Amino acid sequence: MKDPGMYRKIDVLGRIVIPSEIRKSLNLVEGDQLDITLDEGRIILEPANNSCRLCGTRSDLKPFGDKSVCAGCRQALIAQEADAFIGTSGLAAVR
């Protein structure tokens, strides 16, 4: 959404106000987290749940605890947890 009529000043603490029209269109409410990235001189703000917390992918997202992760990273986390469980439970010899 690019609207050349929307300008905001940065305050002394480096904050800006996101216009209510934009917040409403993205269903953003107080307390929501945003990903902040820099891309070729542009500051990009995106709702934090729009990308995998581990690899940044934006497809096939699923909740994992209080984070969103893609299916590939979720499987890797589950495998890592299983390996840790097997290694600490005395079942390592069975593998």
C-alpha atoms as a PDB file:
ATOM      1  CA  MET A   1       0.000   0.000   0.000  1.00  0.00           C
ATOM      2  CA  LYS A   2       1.808   3.103  -1.162  1.00  0.00           C
ATOM      3  CA  ASP A   3       0.086   6.371  -0.499  1.00  0.00           C
ATOM      4  CA  PRO A   4       2.264   9.430  -1.117  1.00  0.00           C
ATOM      5  CA  GLY A   5      -0.037  11.462   1.148  1.00  0.00           C
ATOM      6  CA  MET A   6       0.956   9.563   4.295  1.00  0.00           C
ATOM      7  CA  TYR A   7       3.951  11.095   6.003  1.00  0.00           C
ATOM      8  CA  ARG A   8       4.991  10.684   9.607  1.00  0.00           C
ATOM      9  CA  LYS A   9       7.772  12.323  11.577  1.00  0.00           C
ATOM     10  CA  ILE A  10      10.189  10.348  13.699  1.00  0.00           C
ATOM     11  CA  ASP A  11      10.087  11.498  17.330  1.00  0.00           C
ATOM     12  CA  VAL A  12      13.124  12.017  19.584  1.00  0.00           C
ATOM     13  CA  LEU A  13      13.084   8.342  20.596  1.00  0.00           C
ATOM     14  CA  GLY A  14      13.029   7.135  16.972  1.00  0.00           C
ATOM     15  CA  ARG A  15       9.350   6.158  16.981  1.00  0.00           C
ATOM     16  CA  ILE A  16       6.742   6.666  14.305  1.00  0.00           C
ATOM     17  CA  VAL A  17       2.983   6.224  14.386  1.00  0.00           C
ATOM     18  CA  ILE A  18       1.560   3.755  11.874  1.00  0.00           C
ATOM     19  CA  PRO A  19      -1.622   5.338  10.481  1.00  0.00           C
ATOM     20  CA  SER A  20      -4.848   3.752  11.717  1.00  0.00           C
ATOM     21  CA  GLU A  21      -5.936   2.915   8.133  1.00  0.00           C
ATOM     22  CA  ILE A  22      -2.852   0.734   7.697  1.00  0.00           C
ATOM     23  CA  ARG A  23      -3.191  -0.865  11.147  1.00  0.00           C
ATOM     24  CA  LYS A  24      -6.823  -1.718  10.446  1.00  0.00           C
ATOM     25  CA  SER A  25      -6.102  -3.156   6.993  1.00  0.00           C
ATOM     26  CA  LEU A  26      -3.440  -5.465   8.512  1.00  0.00           C
ATOM     27  CA  ASN A  27      -5.496  -6.250  11.650  1.00  0.00           C
ATOM     28  CA  LEU A  28      -2.708  -4.857  13.836  1.00  0.00           C
ATOM     29  CA  VAL A  29      -3.544  -4.070  17.443  1.00  0.00           C
ATOM     30  CA  GLU A  30      -1.583  -2.710  20.384  1.00  0.00           C
ATOM     31  CA  GLY A  31       1.051  -5.207  21.498  1.00  0.00           C
ATOM     32  CA  ASP A  32       1.455  -6.927  18.105  1.00  0.00           C
ATOM     33  CA  GLN A  33       5.055  -7.500  17.082  1.00  0.00           C
ATOM     34  CA  LEU A  34       6.511  -6.394  13.753  1.00  0.00           C
ATOM     35  CA  ASP A  35       9.516  -7.673  11.839  1.00  0.00           C
ATOM     36  CA  ILE A  36      11.720  -4.740  10.861  1.00  0.00           C
ATOM     37  CA  THR A  37      14.128  -5.237   7.966  1.00  0.00           C
ATOM     38  CA  LEU A  38      16.213  -3.015   5.746  1.00  0.00           C
ATOM     39  CA  ASP A  39      16.104  -3.710   2.000  1.00  0.00           C
ATOM     40  CA  GLU A  40      17.973  -1.526  -0.483  1.00  0.00           C
ATOM     41  CA  GLY A  41      17.534   1.616   1.591  1.00  0.00           C
ATOM     42  CA  ARG A  42      13.885   0.911   2.508  1.00  0.00           C
ATOM     43  CA  ILE A  43      12.594   0.107   5.966  1.00  0.00           C
ATOM     44  CA  ILE A  44      10.127  -2.780   5.767  1.00  0.00           C
ATOM     45  CA  LEU A  45       7.661  -3.443   8.582  1.00  0.00           C
ATOM     46  CA  GLU A  46       5.730  -6.719   8.512  1.00  0.00           C
ATOM     47  CA  PRO A  47       3.563  -8.485  11.066  1.00  0.00           C
ATOM     48  CA  ALA A  48       5.891 -10.883  12.889  1.00  0.00           C
ATOM     49  CA  ASN A  49       3.742 -13.946  12.176  1.00  0.00           C
ATOM     50  CA  ASN A  50       4.123 -13.605   8.402  1.00  0.00           C
ATOM     51  CA  SER A  51       7.409 -15.472   8.205  1.00  0.00           C
ATOM     52  CA  CYS A  52       9.176 -18.459   9.698  1.00  0.00           C
ATOM     53  CA  ARG A  53      11.079 -17.440  12.825  1.00  0.00           C
ATOM     54  CA  LEU A  54      14.002 -19.652  11.813  1.00  0.00           C
ATOM     55  CA  CYS A  55      14.516 -19.345   8.055  1.00  0.00           C
ATOM     56  CA  GLY A  56      12.312 -16.410   6.999  1.00  0.00           C
ATOM     57  CA  THR A  57      10.185 -18.402   4.539  1.00  0.00           C
ATOM     58  CA  ARG A  58       6.652 -17.114   4.133  1.00  0.00           C
ATOM     59  CA  SER A  59       4.927 -20.304   2.994  1.00  0.00           C
ATOM     60  CA  ASP A  60       3.351 -23.250   4.815  1.00  0.00           C
ATOM     61  CA  LEU A  61       3.516 -21.592   8.249  1.00  0.00           C
ATOM     62  CA  LYS A  62       2.318 -23.431  11.327  1.00  0.00           C
ATOM     63  CA  PRO A  63       2.324 -22.413  14.994  1.00  0.00           C
ATOM     64  CA  PHE A  64       5.131 -23.930  17.043  1.00  0.00           C
ATOM     65  CA  GLY A  65       4.864 -22.776  20.635  1.00  0.00           C
ATOM     66  CA  ASP A  66       4.340 -19.024  20.448  1.00  0.00           C
ATOM     67  CA  LYS A  67       6.191 -18.687  17.109  1.00  0.00           C
ATOM     68  CA  SER A  68       5.338 -19.383  13.471  1.00  0.00           C
ATOM     69  CA  VAL A  69       7.618 -21.791  11.635  1.00  0.00           C
ATOM     70  CA  CYS A  70       7.490 -23.361   8.186  1.00  0.00           C
ATOM     71  CA  ALA A  71       6.847 -27.080   7.763  1.00  0.00           C
ATOM     72  CA  GLY A  72      10.519 -27.809   7.005  1.00  0.00           C
ATOM     73  CA  CYS A  73      11.830 -26.083  10.116  1.00  0.00           C
ATOM     74  CA  ARG A  74       9.066 -27.626  12.225  1.00  0.00           C
ATOM     75  CA  GLN A  75      10.094 -31.110  11.096  1.00  0.00           C
ATOM     76  CA  ALA A  76      13.739 -30.268  11.824  1.00  0.00           C
ATOM     77  CA  LEU A  77      12.815 -29.070  15.331  1.00  0.00           C
ATOM     78  CA  ILE A  78      10.774 -32.200  16.013  1.00  0.00           C
ATOM     79  CA  ALA A  79      13.627 -34.407  14.757  1.00  0.00           C
ATOM     80  CA  GLN A  80      16.113 -32.500  16.924  1.00  0.00           C
ATOM     81  CA  GLU A  81      13.875 -32.935  19.968  1.00  0.00           C
ATOM     82  CA  ALA A  82      13.485 -36.648  19.197  1.00  0.00           C
ATOM     83  CA  ASP A  83      17.257 -37.065  18.841  1.00  0.00           C
ATOM     84  CA  ALA A  84      17.808 -35.266  22.142  1.00  0.00           C
ATOM     85  CA  PHE A  85      15.180 -37.438  23.847  1.00  0.00           C
ATOM     86  CA  ILE A  86      16.620 -40.668  22.469  1.00  0.00           C
ATOM     87  CA  GLY A  87      20.144 -39.611  23.443  1.00  0.00           C
ATOM     88  CA  THR A  88      19.175 -38.723  27.014  1.00  0.00           C
ATOM     89  CA  SER A  89      16.738 -41.569  27.665  1.00  0.00           C
ATOM     90  CA  GLY A  90      19.223 -44.386  27.370  1.00  0.00           C
ATOM     91  CA  LEU A  91      17.790 -45.554  24.064  1.00  0.00           C
ATOM     92  CA  ALA A  92      20.829 -44.449  22.073  1.00  0.00           C
ATOM     93  CA  ALA A  93      21.999 -48.053  21.690  1.00  0.00           C
ATOM     94  CA  VAL A  94      18.701 -48.984  20.011  1.00  0.00           C
ATOM     95  CA  ARG A  95      19.288 -46.489  17.184  1.00  0.00           C
END
